[in-house]
Amino acid sequence: MSSSDKAERNLRALRDIQPGEELTYFYPSTEWHMDGFQCWCGEKNCLGWPRGSQVLSRAEIVERGRGLINTHISILLDRRDNPRN
């Protein structure tokens, strides 16, 4: 995902997507706090009830998000995990 415009989102696939293939999205990679909702995607790394990255460990975000984390989320994780810096 890339864009400096907060109203615009650009997504880039890491592999070819087949017609009709279902897409999933790891919300904590871009959302710090959000109202949770029941997810039915069936993805093996699905949280089931995503609520944003503030409730997850950095390790869990990196693992489940396959290492793709928005810069803003990374900064907020640094502040949360290292409050003296």
N, C-alpha and C. Protein backbone atom coordinates (compact mmCIF):
# COMPACT_ATOMS: atom_id res chain seq x y z
N MET A 1 0.85 -1.16 0.00
CA MET A 1 0.00 0.00 0.00
C MET A 1 0.90 1.22 0.00
N SER A 2 0.58 2.17 -0.84
CA SER A 2 1.40 3.37 -0.88
C SER A 2 0.56 4.56 -1.32
N SER A 3 0.76 5.66 -0.67
CA SER A 3 0.19 6.94 -1.06
C SER A 3 0.37 7.90 0.10
N SER A 4 0.77 9.13 -0.20
CA SER A 4 0.87 10.13 0.85
C SER A 4 -0.47 10.84 1.04
N ASP A 5 -1.40 10.64 0.14
CA ASP A 5 -2.73 11.23 0.22
C ASP A 5 -3.61 10.33 1.08
N LYS A 6 -4.07 10.84 2.22
CA LYS A 6 -4.86 10.02 3.14
C LYS A 6 -6.20 9.59 2.54
N ALA A 7 -6.68 10.30 1.52
CA ALA A 7 -7.95 9.93 0.90
C ALA A 7 -7.76 8.88 -0.20
N GLU A 8 -6.52 8.56 -0.53
CA GLU A 8 -6.25 7.63 -1.61
C GLU A 8 -5.52 6.40 -1.08
N ARG A 9 -5.91 5.25 -1.55
CA ARG A 9 -5.24 4.00 -1.19
C ARG A 9 -4.84 3.29 -2.47
N ASN A 10 -3.60 2.89 -2.55
CA ASN A 10 -3.11 2.12 -3.68
C ASN A 10 -2.62 0.78 -3.16
N LEU A 11 -3.13 -0.28 -3.71
CA LEU A 11 -2.71 -1.62 -3.30
C LEU A 11 -1.96 -2.27 -4.45
N ARG A 12 -0.93 -3.01 -4.10
CA ARG A 12 -0.15 -3.74 -5.10
C ARG A 12 -0.14 -5.21 -4.69
N ALA A 13 -0.48 -6.06 -5.61
CA ALA A 13 -0.49 -7.50 -5.35
C ALA A 13 0.94 -8.04 -5.32
N LEU A 14 1.21 -8.96 -4.42
CA LEU A 14 2.51 -9.60 -4.33
C LEU A 14 2.63 -10.77 -5.31
N ARG A 15 1.50 -11.14 -5.90
CA ARG A 15 1.47 -12.23 -6.88
C ARG A 15 0.27 -11.99 -7.80
N ASP A 16 0.20 -12.74 -8.88
CA ASP A 16 -0.93 -12.62 -9.79
C ASP A 16 -2.21 -13.06 -9.08
N ILE A 17 -3.28 -12.32 -9.32
CA ILE A 17 -4.59 -12.65 -8.75
C ILE A 17 -5.46 -13.19 -9.87
N GLN A 18 -6.04 -14.34 -9.61
CA GLN A 18 -6.87 -14.99 -10.61
C GLN A 18 -8.28 -14.41 -10.61
N PRO A 19 -8.94 -14.34 -11.77
CA PRO A 19 -10.33 -13.87 -11.83
C PRO A 19 -11.20 -14.70 -10.89
N GLY A 20 -12.00 -14.01 -10.08
CA GLY A 20 -12.90 -14.68 -9.14
C GLY A 20 -12.25 -15.05 -7.82
N GLU A 21 -10.94 -14.87 -7.70
CA GLU A 21 -10.24 -15.21 -6.46
C GLU A 21 -10.63 -14.21 -5.36
N GLU A 22 -10.92 -14.71 -4.18
CA GLU A 22 -11.28 -13.85 -3.06
C GLU A 22 -10.05 -13.16 -2.50
N LEU A 23 -10.18 -11.88 -2.20
CA LEU A 23 -9.09 -11.10 -1.61
C LEU A 23 -9.35 -10.92 -0.13
N THR A 24 -8.29 -10.93 0.66
CA THR A 24 -8.40 -10.65 2.09
C THR A 24 -7.51 -9.46 2.42
N TYR A 25 -7.78 -8.85 3.58
CA TYR A 25 -7.03 -7.66 3.99
C TYR A 25 -6.74 -7.75 5.48
N PHE A 26 -5.50 -7.51 5.86
CA PHE A 26 -5.11 -7.56 7.27
C PHE A 26 -5.22 -6.14 7.84
N TYR A 27 -6.35 -5.81 8.43
CA TYR A 27 -6.63 -4.46 8.91
C TYR A 27 -5.58 -3.90 9.87
N PRO A 28 -5.04 -4.68 10.80
CA PRO A 28 -4.04 -4.11 11.71
C PRO A 28 -2.77 -3.60 11.02
N SER A 29 -2.56 -3.93 9.76
CA SER A 29 -1.38 -3.40 9.06
C SER A 29 -1.52 -1.91 8.79
N THR A 30 -2.75 -1.39 8.84
CA THR A 30 -2.98 0.04 8.57
C THR A 30 -3.85 0.73 9.62
N GLU A 31 -4.49 -0.02 10.49
CA GLU A 31 -5.43 0.56 11.47
C GLU A 31 -4.91 0.36 12.89
N TRP A 32 -4.74 1.44 13.62
CA TRP A 32 -4.29 1.37 15.01
C TRP A 32 -5.44 1.01 15.94
N HIS A 33 -6.53 1.73 15.82
CA HIS A 33 -7.71 1.48 16.65
C HIS A 33 -8.92 1.44 15.73
N MET A 34 -9.76 0.47 15.92
CA MET A 34 -10.98 0.39 15.13
C MET A 34 -12.00 -0.44 15.89
N ASP A 35 -13.26 -0.19 15.61
CA ASP A 35 -14.31 -1.03 16.18
C ASP A 35 -14.18 -2.41 15.57
N GLY A 36 -14.22 -3.42 16.40
CA GLY A 36 -14.08 -4.78 15.91
C GLY A 36 -15.31 -5.24 15.14
N PHE A 37 -15.12 -6.26 14.34
CA PHE A 37 -16.22 -6.87 13.60
C PHE A 37 -15.89 -8.34 13.38
N GLN A 38 -16.91 -9.15 13.24
CA GLN A 38 -16.71 -10.57 12.98
C GLN A 38 -16.28 -10.77 11.54
N CYS A 39 -15.15 -11.42 11.34
CA CYS A 39 -14.63 -11.68 9.99
C CYS A 39 -14.88 -13.15 9.65
N TRP A 40 -15.33 -13.38 8.46
CA TRP A 40 -15.63 -14.73 8.00
C TRP A 40 -14.77 -15.14 6.81
N CYS A 41 -13.60 -14.52 6.64
CA CYS A 41 -12.80 -14.76 5.43
C CYS A 41 -12.25 -16.18 5.34
N GLY A 42 -11.97 -16.81 6.46
CA GLY A 42 -11.44 -18.17 6.45
C GLY A 42 -9.94 -18.27 6.22
N GLU A 43 -9.26 -17.13 6.07
CA GLU A 43 -7.80 -17.12 5.89
C GLU A 43 -7.15 -17.72 7.14
N LYS A 44 -6.08 -18.49 6.95
CA LYS A 44 -5.45 -19.17 8.09
C LYS A 44 -4.92 -18.19 9.14
N ASN A 45 -4.54 -16.98 8.75
CA ASN A 45 -4.03 -15.98 9.69
C ASN A 45 -5.09 -15.00 10.17
N CYS A 46 -6.35 -15.28 9.87
CA CYS A 46 -7.43 -14.36 10.25
C CYS A 46 -7.52 -14.21 11.77
N LEU A 47 -7.75 -12.99 12.20
CA LEU A 47 -7.91 -12.72 13.63
C LEU A 47 -9.30 -13.12 14.13
N GLY A 48 -10.25 -13.25 13.24
CA GLY A 48 -11.61 -13.59 13.63
C GLY A 48 -12.42 -12.38 14.04
N TRP A 49 -11.79 -11.48 14.81
CA TRP A 49 -12.44 -10.26 15.30
C TRP A 49 -11.39 -9.14 15.28
N PRO A 50 -11.07 -8.59 14.10
CA PRO A 50 -10.03 -7.56 14.04
C PRO A 50 -10.45 -6.29 14.77
N ARG A 51 -9.50 -5.72 15.55
CA ARG A 51 -9.77 -4.50 16.30
C ARG A 51 -8.65 -3.48 16.16
N GLY A 52 -7.74 -3.67 15.25
CA GLY A 52 -6.63 -2.73 15.09
C GLY A 52 -5.37 -3.25 15.74
N SER A 53 -4.26 -2.62 15.40
CA SER A 53 -2.96 -3.12 15.85
C SER A 53 -2.62 -2.79 17.29
N GLN A 54 -3.32 -1.84 17.91
CA GLN A 54 -2.96 -1.47 19.29
C GLN A 54 -3.16 -2.62 20.27
N VAL A 55 -3.96 -3.61 19.93
CA VAL A 55 -4.22 -4.72 20.85
C VAL A 55 -3.36 -5.95 20.55
N LEU A 56 -2.46 -5.84 19.56
CA LEU A 56 -1.61 -6.97 19.16
C LEU A 56 -0.14 -6.68 19.45
N SER A 57 0.63 -7.73 19.60
CA SER A 57 2.08 -7.56 19.74
C SER A 57 2.67 -7.28 18.36
N ARG A 58 3.84 -6.64 18.35
CA ARG A 58 4.52 -6.40 17.07
C ARG A 58 4.78 -7.73 16.35
N ALA A 59 5.21 -8.74 17.09
CA ALA A 59 5.50 -10.04 16.48
C ALA A 59 4.27 -10.62 15.79
N GLU A 60 3.12 -10.49 16.44
CA GLU A 60 1.88 -11.02 15.85
C GLU A 60 1.50 -10.24 14.59
N ILE A 61 1.68 -8.93 14.61
CA ILE A 61 1.37 -8.11 13.43
C ILE A 61 2.29 -8.48 12.27
N VAL A 62 3.58 -8.62 12.55
CA VAL A 62 4.54 -8.97 11.50
C VAL A 62 4.23 -10.35 10.93
N GLU A 63 3.95 -11.32 11.81
CA GLU A 63 3.68 -12.68 11.35
C GLU A 63 2.38 -12.75 10.55
N ARG A 64 1.31 -12.24 11.12
CA ARG A 64 0.01 -12.34 10.45
C ARG A 64 -0.09 -11.43 9.23
N GLY A 65 0.60 -10.30 9.29
CA GLY A 65 0.57 -9.36 8.18
C GLY A 65 1.67 -9.60 7.17
N ARG A 66 2.38 -10.70 7.33
CA ARG A 66 3.46 -11.09 6.41
C ARG A 66 4.50 -10.00 6.27
N GLY A 67 4.74 -9.26 7.35
CA GLY A 67 5.78 -8.24 7.36
C GLY A 67 5.40 -6.92 6.73
N LEU A 68 4.17 -6.80 6.25
CA LEU A 68 3.72 -5.57 5.59
C LEU A 68 2.97 -4.70 6.59
N ILE A 69 3.64 -3.66 7.09
CA ILE A 69 3.05 -2.77 8.09
C ILE A 69 3.19 -1.34 7.61
N ASN A 70 2.12 -0.58 7.70
CA ASN A 70 2.13 0.83 7.37
C ASN A 70 3.13 1.55 8.26
N THR A 71 3.85 2.53 7.72
CA THR A 71 4.85 3.28 8.49
C THR A 71 4.24 3.90 9.74
N HIS A 72 3.04 4.45 9.62
CA HIS A 72 2.36 5.07 10.76
C HIS A 72 2.14 4.05 11.88
N ILE A 73 1.73 2.85 11.53
CA ILE A 73 1.52 1.80 12.53
C ILE A 73 2.85 1.42 13.18
N SER A 74 3.90 1.33 12.41
CA SER A 74 5.22 1.01 12.96
C SER A 74 5.67 2.06 13.97
N ILE A 75 5.43 3.33 13.67
CA ILE A 75 5.78 4.41 14.60
C ILE A 75 4.97 4.30 15.89
N LEU A 76 3.67 4.05 15.77
CA LEU A 76 2.83 3.90 16.96
C LEU A 76 3.25 2.69 17.79
N LEU A 77 3.64 1.61 17.15
CA LEU A 77 4.13 0.44 17.88
C LEU A 77 5.42 0.77 18.63
N ASP A 78 6.32 1.52 17.99
CA ASP A 78 7.56 1.94 18.65
C ASP A 78 7.25 2.77 19.89
N ARG A 79 6.32 3.70 19.78
CA ARG A 79 5.94 4.55 20.92
C ARG A 79 5.32 3.73 22.04
N ARG A 80 4.48 2.77 21.66
CA ARG A 80 3.83 1.93 22.67
C ARG A 80 4.83 1.02 23.36
N ASP A 81 5.70 0.40 22.57
CA ASP A 81 6.62 -0.61 23.11
C ASP A 81 7.87 -0.02 23.75
N ASN A 82 8.19 1.23 23.43
CA ASN A 82 9.38 1.91 23.97
C ASN A 82 8.98 3.31 24.43
N PRO A 83 8.17 3.42 25.48
CA PRO A 83 7.61 4.72 25.87
C PRO A 83 8.64 5.78 26.27
N ARG A 84 9.85 5.40 26.57
CA ARG A 84 10.87 6.38 26.99
C ARG A 84 11.56 7.05 25.82
N ASN A 85 11.41 6.51 24.62
CA ASN A 85 12.09 7.08 23.44
C ASN A 85 11.31 8.22 22.85
